[in-house]
Amino acid sequence: MCGPHGLQFEHPVELRLPHCEPSQWQNVSVPSESNNYDVGSNSVSVLIDHF
């Protein structure tokens, strides 16, 4: 969970989370309306403008 709830950023920020190798993921769900995400070898990141 990220917060505080309702926080707005003036510019998008990158939220990067460490994760295991993507080829080992069983289910990946990414919002279809946004292409602001990236899957690296050991992390996943998304650009966000609010919590």
PDB file of N, CA and C in Angstrom:
ATOM      1  N   MET A   1       0.844  -1.157   0.000  1.00  0.00           N
ATOM      2  CA  MET A   1       0.000   0.000   0.000  1.00  0.00           C
ATOM      3  C   MET A   1       0.900   1.234   0.000  1.00  0.00           C
ATOM      4  N   CYS A   2       0.519   2.225  -0.787  1.00  0.00           N
ATOM      5  CA  CYS A   2       1.255   3.484  -0.851  1.00  0.00           C
ATOM      6  C   CYS A   2       0.362   4.605  -0.343  1.00  0.00           C
ATOM      7  N   GLY A   3       0.966   5.611   0.195  1.00  0.00           N
ATOM      8  CA  GLY A   3       0.152   6.696   0.714  1.00  0.00           C
ATOM      9  C   GLY A   3       1.001   7.897   1.033  1.00  0.00           C
ATOM     10  N   PRO A   4       0.379   8.931   1.493  1.00  0.00           N
ATOM     11  CA  PRO A   4      -1.002   8.971   1.968  1.00  0.00           C
ATOM     12  C   PRO A   4      -2.005   9.018   0.810  1.00  0.00           C
ATOM     13  N   HIS A   5      -3.170   8.435   1.039  1.00  0.00           N
ATOM     14  CA  HIS A   5      -4.225   8.396   0.035  1.00  0.00           C
ATOM     15  C   HIS A   5      -4.595   9.819  -0.364  1.00  0.00           C
ATOM     16  N   GLY A   6      -4.732  10.047  -1.662  1.00  0.00           N
ATOM     17  CA  GLY A   6      -5.118  11.354  -2.179  1.00  0.00           C
ATOM     18  C   GLY A   6      -3.949  12.260  -2.523  1.00  0.00           C
ATOM     19  N   LEU A   7      -2.713  11.821  -2.245  1.00  0.00           N
ATOM     20  CA  LEU A   7      -1.533  12.627  -2.562  1.00  0.00           C
ATOM     21  C   LEU A   7      -1.406  12.787  -4.068  1.00  0.00           C
ATOM     22  N   GLN A   8      -1.241  14.014  -4.552  1.00  0.00           N
ATOM     23  CA  GLN A   8      -1.073  14.313  -5.974  1.00  0.00           C
ATOM     24  C   GLN A   8       0.334  14.845  -6.196  1.00  0.00           C
ATOM     25  N   PHE A   9       1.004  14.397  -7.252  1.00  0.00           N
ATOM     26  CA  PHE A   9       2.325  14.877  -7.614  1.00  0.00           C
ATOM     27  C   PHE A   9       2.205  15.897  -8.745  1.00  0.00           C
ATOM     28  N   GLU A  10       3.092  16.900  -8.746  1.00  0.00           N
ATOM     29  CA  GLU A  10       3.092  17.885  -9.832  1.00  0.00           C
ATOM     30  C   GLU A  10       3.537  17.257 -11.139  1.00  0.00           C
ATOM     31  N   HIS A  11       4.449  16.269 -11.058  1.00  0.00           N
ATOM     32  CA  HIS A  11       4.967  15.562 -12.227  1.00  0.00           C
ATOM     33  C   HIS A  11       4.926  14.072 -11.906  1.00  0.00           C
ATOM     34  N   PRO A  12       4.738  13.223 -12.911  1.00  0.00           N
ATOM     35  CA  PRO A  12       4.749  11.779 -12.654  1.00  0.00           C
ATOM     36  C   PRO A  12       6.062  11.341 -11.990  1.00  0.00           C
ATOM     37  N   VAL A  13       5.963  10.401 -11.097  1.00  0.00           N
ATOM     38  CA  VAL A  13       7.129   9.819 -10.439  1.00  0.00           C
ATOM     39  C   VAL A  13       7.173   8.336 -10.764  1.00  0.00           C
ATOM     40  N   GLU A  14       8.372   7.763 -10.688  1.00  0.00           N
ATOM     41  CA  GLU A  14       8.533   6.342 -10.971  1.00  0.00           C
ATOM     42  C   GLU A  14       8.462   5.561  -9.659  1.00  0.00           C
ATOM     43  N   LEU A  15       7.562   4.609  -9.608  1.00  0.00           N
ATOM     44  CA  LEU A  15       7.463   3.690  -8.478  1.00  0.00           C
ATOM     45  C   LEU A  15       8.085   2.383  -8.950  1.00  0.00           C
ATOM     46  N   ARG A  16       9.222   1.995  -8.359  1.00  0.00           N
ATOM     47  CA  ARG A  16       9.948   0.795  -8.786  1.00  0.00           C
ATOM     48  C   ARG A  16       9.968  -0.197  -7.635  1.00  0.00           C
ATOM     49  N   LEU A  17       9.529  -1.418  -7.917  1.00  0.00           N
ATOM     50  CA  LEU A  17       9.474  -2.463  -6.904  1.00  0.00           C
ATOM     51  C   LEU A  17      10.333  -3.637  -7.329  1.00  0.00           C
ATOM     52  N   PRO A  18      11.193  -4.111  -6.425  1.00  0.00           N
ATOM     53  CA  PRO A  18      11.988  -5.295  -6.758  1.00  0.00           C
ATOM     54  C   PRO A  18      11.080  -6.509  -6.873  1.00  0.00           C
ATOM     55  N   HIS A  19      11.438  -7.402  -7.775  1.00  0.00           N
ATOM     56  CA  HIS A  19      10.632  -8.607  -7.972  1.00  0.00           C
ATOM     57  C   HIS A  19      11.510  -9.682  -8.570  1.00  0.00           C
ATOM     58  N   CYS A  20      11.058 -10.912  -8.478  1.00  0.00           N
ATOM     59  CA  CYS A  20      11.791 -12.033  -9.055  1.00  0.00           C
ATOM     60  C   CYS A  20      11.787 -11.939 -10.586  1.00  0.00           C
ATOM     61  N   GLU A  21      12.507 -12.799 -11.225  1.00  0.00           N
ATOM     62  CA  GLU A  21      12.597 -12.844 -12.690  1.00  0.00           C
ATOM     63  C   GLU A  21      11.194 -12.904 -13.307  1.00  0.00           C
ATOM     64  N   PRO A  22      10.823 -11.939 -14.200  1.00  0.00           N
ATOM     65  CA  PRO A  22       9.484 -11.907 -14.793  1.00  0.00           C
ATOM     66  C   PRO A  22       9.058 -13.217 -15.457  1.00  0.00           C
ATOM     67  N   SER A  23       9.992 -14.005 -15.975  1.00  0.00           N
ATOM     68  CA  SER A  23       9.605 -15.259 -16.617  1.00  0.00           C
ATOM     69  C   SER A  23       8.998 -16.235 -15.614  1.00  0.00           C
ATOM     70  N   GLN A  24       9.195 -15.972 -14.314  1.00  0.00           N
ATOM     71  CA  GLN A  24       8.639 -16.835 -13.268  1.00  0.00           C
ATOM     72  C   GLN A  24       7.287 -16.349 -12.768  1.00  0.00           C
ATOM     73  N   TRP A  25       6.814 -15.203 -13.264  1.00  0.00           N
ATOM     74  CA  TRP A  25       5.534 -14.675 -12.826  1.00  0.00           C
ATOM     75  C   TRP A  25       4.412 -15.580 -13.321  1.00  0.00           C
ATOM     76  N   GLN A  26       3.413 -15.785 -12.487  1.00  0.00           N
ATOM     77  CA  GLN A  26       2.284 -16.617 -12.874  1.00  0.00           C
ATOM     78  C   GLN A  26       1.158 -15.794 -13.468  1.00  0.00           C
ATOM     79  N   ASN A  27       1.002 -14.551 -12.996  1.00  0.00           N
ATOM     80  CA  ASN A  27      -0.087 -13.708 -13.477  1.00  0.00           C
ATOM     81  C   ASN A  27       0.377 -12.267 -13.411  1.00  0.00           C
ATOM     82  N   VAL A  28       0.272 -11.545 -14.535  1.00  0.00           N
ATOM     83  CA  VAL A  28       0.642 -10.135 -14.566  1.00  0.00           C
ATOM     84  C   VAL A  28      -0.569  -9.358 -15.045  1.00  0.00           C
ATOM     85  N   SER A  29      -0.995  -8.389 -14.266  1.00  0.00           N
ATOM     86  CA  SER A  29      -2.135  -7.557 -14.626  1.00  0.00           C
ATOM     87  C   SER A  29      -1.688  -6.107 -14.668  1.00  0.00           C
ATOM     88  N   VAL A  30      -1.773  -5.496 -15.860  1.00  0.00           N
ATOM     89  CA  VAL A  30      -1.372  -4.111 -16.049  1.00  0.00           C
ATOM     90  C   VAL A  30      -2.563  -3.374 -16.635  1.00  0.00           C
ATOM     91  N   PRO A  31      -2.914  -2.202 -16.076  1.00  0.00           N
ATOM     92  CA  PRO A  31      -4.058  -1.454 -16.614  1.00  0.00           C
ATOM     93  C   PRO A  31      -3.916  -1.218 -18.114  1.00  0.00           C
ATOM     94  N   SER A  32      -4.947  -1.559 -18.876  1.00  0.00           N
ATOM     95  CA  SER A  32      -4.884  -1.444 -20.335  1.00  0.00           C
ATOM     96  C   SER A  32      -4.853   0.002 -20.800  1.00  0.00           C
ATOM     97  N   GLU A  33      -5.342   0.944 -19.985  1.00  0.00           N
ATOM     98  CA  GLU A  33      -5.377   2.341 -20.412  1.00  0.00           C
ATOM     99  C   GLU A  33      -4.033   3.040 -20.236  1.00  0.00           C
ATOM    100  N   SER A  34      -3.051   2.354 -19.661  1.00  0.00           N
ATOM    101  CA  SER A  34      -1.760   2.994 -19.403  1.00  0.00           C
ATOM    102  C   SER A  34      -0.615   2.177 -19.967  1.00  0.00           C
ATOM    103  N   ASN A  35       0.302   2.840 -20.651  1.00  0.00           N
ATOM    104  CA  ASN A  35       1.520   2.195 -21.118  1.00  0.00           C
ATOM    105  C   ASN A  35       2.717   2.710 -20.331  1.00  0.00           C
ATOM    106  N   ASN A  36       2.467   3.278 -19.156  1.00  0.00           N
ATOM    107  CA  ASN A  36       3.524   3.878 -18.349  1.00  0.00           C
ATOM    108  C   ASN A  36       4.115   2.869 -17.369  1.00  0.00           C
ATOM    109  N   TYR A  37       4.473   1.698 -17.863  1.00  0.00           N
ATOM    110  CA  TYR A  37       5.069   0.690 -17.004  1.00  0.00           C
ATOM    111  C   TYR A  37       6.247   0.049 -17.712  1.00  0.00           C
ATOM    112  N   ASP A  38       7.121  -0.571 -16.921  1.00  0.00           N
ATOM    113  CA  ASP A  38       8.299  -1.234 -17.473  1.00  0.00           C
ATOM    114  C   ASP A  38       8.614  -2.432 -16.600  1.00  0.00           C
ATOM    115  N   VAL A  39       8.946  -3.535 -17.226  1.00  0.00           N
ATOM    116  CA  VAL A  39       9.342  -4.734 -16.494  1.00  0.00           C
ATOM    117  C   VAL A  39      10.810  -4.973 -16.776  1.00  0.00           C
ATOM    118  N   GLY A  40      11.638  -4.891 -15.738  1.00  0.00           N
ATOM    119  CA  GLY A  40      13.062  -5.147 -15.872  1.00  0.00           C
ATOM    120  C   GLY A  40      13.370  -6.568 -15.445  1.00  0.00           C
ATOM    121  N   SER A  41      14.654  -6.897 -15.377  1.00  0.00           N
ATOM    122  CA  SER A  41      15.032  -8.260 -15.036  1.00  0.00           C
ATOM    123  C   SER A  41      14.715  -8.608 -13.588  1.00  0.00           C
ATOM    124  N   ASN A  42      14.770  -7.642 -12.682  1.00  0.00           N
ATOM    125  CA  ASN A  42      14.493  -7.922 -11.274  1.00  0.00           C
ATOM    126  C   ASN A  42      13.581  -6.890 -10.633  1.00  0.00           C
ATOM    127  N   SER A  43      12.815  -6.174 -11.451  1.00  0.00           N
ATOM    128  CA  SER A  43      11.917  -5.167 -10.895  1.00  0.00           C
ATOM    129  C   SER A  43      10.813  -4.838 -11.896  1.00  0.00           C
ATOM    130  N   VAL A  44       9.811  -4.179 -11.385  1.00  0.00           N
ATOM    131  CA  VAL A  44       8.751  -3.643 -12.234  1.00  0.00           C
ATOM    132  C   VAL A  44       8.567  -2.197 -11.801  1.00  0.00           C
ATOM    133  N   SER A  45       8.348  -1.293 -12.765  1.00  0.00           N
ATOM    134  CA  SER A  45       8.166   0.113 -12.420  1.00  0.00           C
ATOM    135  C   SER A  45       6.977   0.670 -13.176  1.00  0.00           C
ATOM    136  N   VAL A  46       6.387   1.696 -12.601  1.00  0.00           N
ATOM    137  CA  VAL A  46       5.235   2.356 -13.205  1.00  0.00           C
ATOM    138  C   VAL A  46       5.337   3.842 -12.895  1.00  0.00           C
ATOM    139  N   LEU A  47       4.937   4.686 -13.860  1.00  0.00           N
ATOM    140  CA  LEU A  47       4.868   6.122 -13.624  1.00  0.00           C
ATOM    141  C   LEU A  47       3.492   6.433 -13.046  1.00  0.00           C
ATOM    142  N   ILE A  48       3.478   7.179 -11.937  1.00  0.00           N
ATOM    143  CA  ILE A  48       2.218   7.533 -11.283  1.00  0.00           C
ATOM    144  C   ILE A  48       2.173   9.027 -11.023  1.00  0.00           C
ATOM    145  N   ASP A  49       0.958   9.580 -10.949  1.00  0.00           N
ATOM    146  CA  ASP A  49       0.822  10.997 -10.617  1.00  0.00           C
ATOM    147  C   ASP A  49       0.023  11.214  -9.329  1.00  0.00           C
ATOM    148  N   HIS A  50      -0.375  10.138  -8.684  1.00  0.00           N
ATOM    149  CA  HIS A  50      -1.093  10.243  -7.402  1.00  0.00           C
ATOM    150  C   HIS A  50      -1.085   8.889  -6.691  1.00  0.00           C
ATOM    151  N   PHE A  51      -1.435   8.935  -5.420  1.00  0.00           N
ATOM    152  CA  PHE A  51      -1.676   7.718  -4.628  1.00  0.00           C
ATOM    153  C   PHE A  51      -3.145   7.628  -4.339  1.00  0.00           C
TER     154      PHE A  51
END
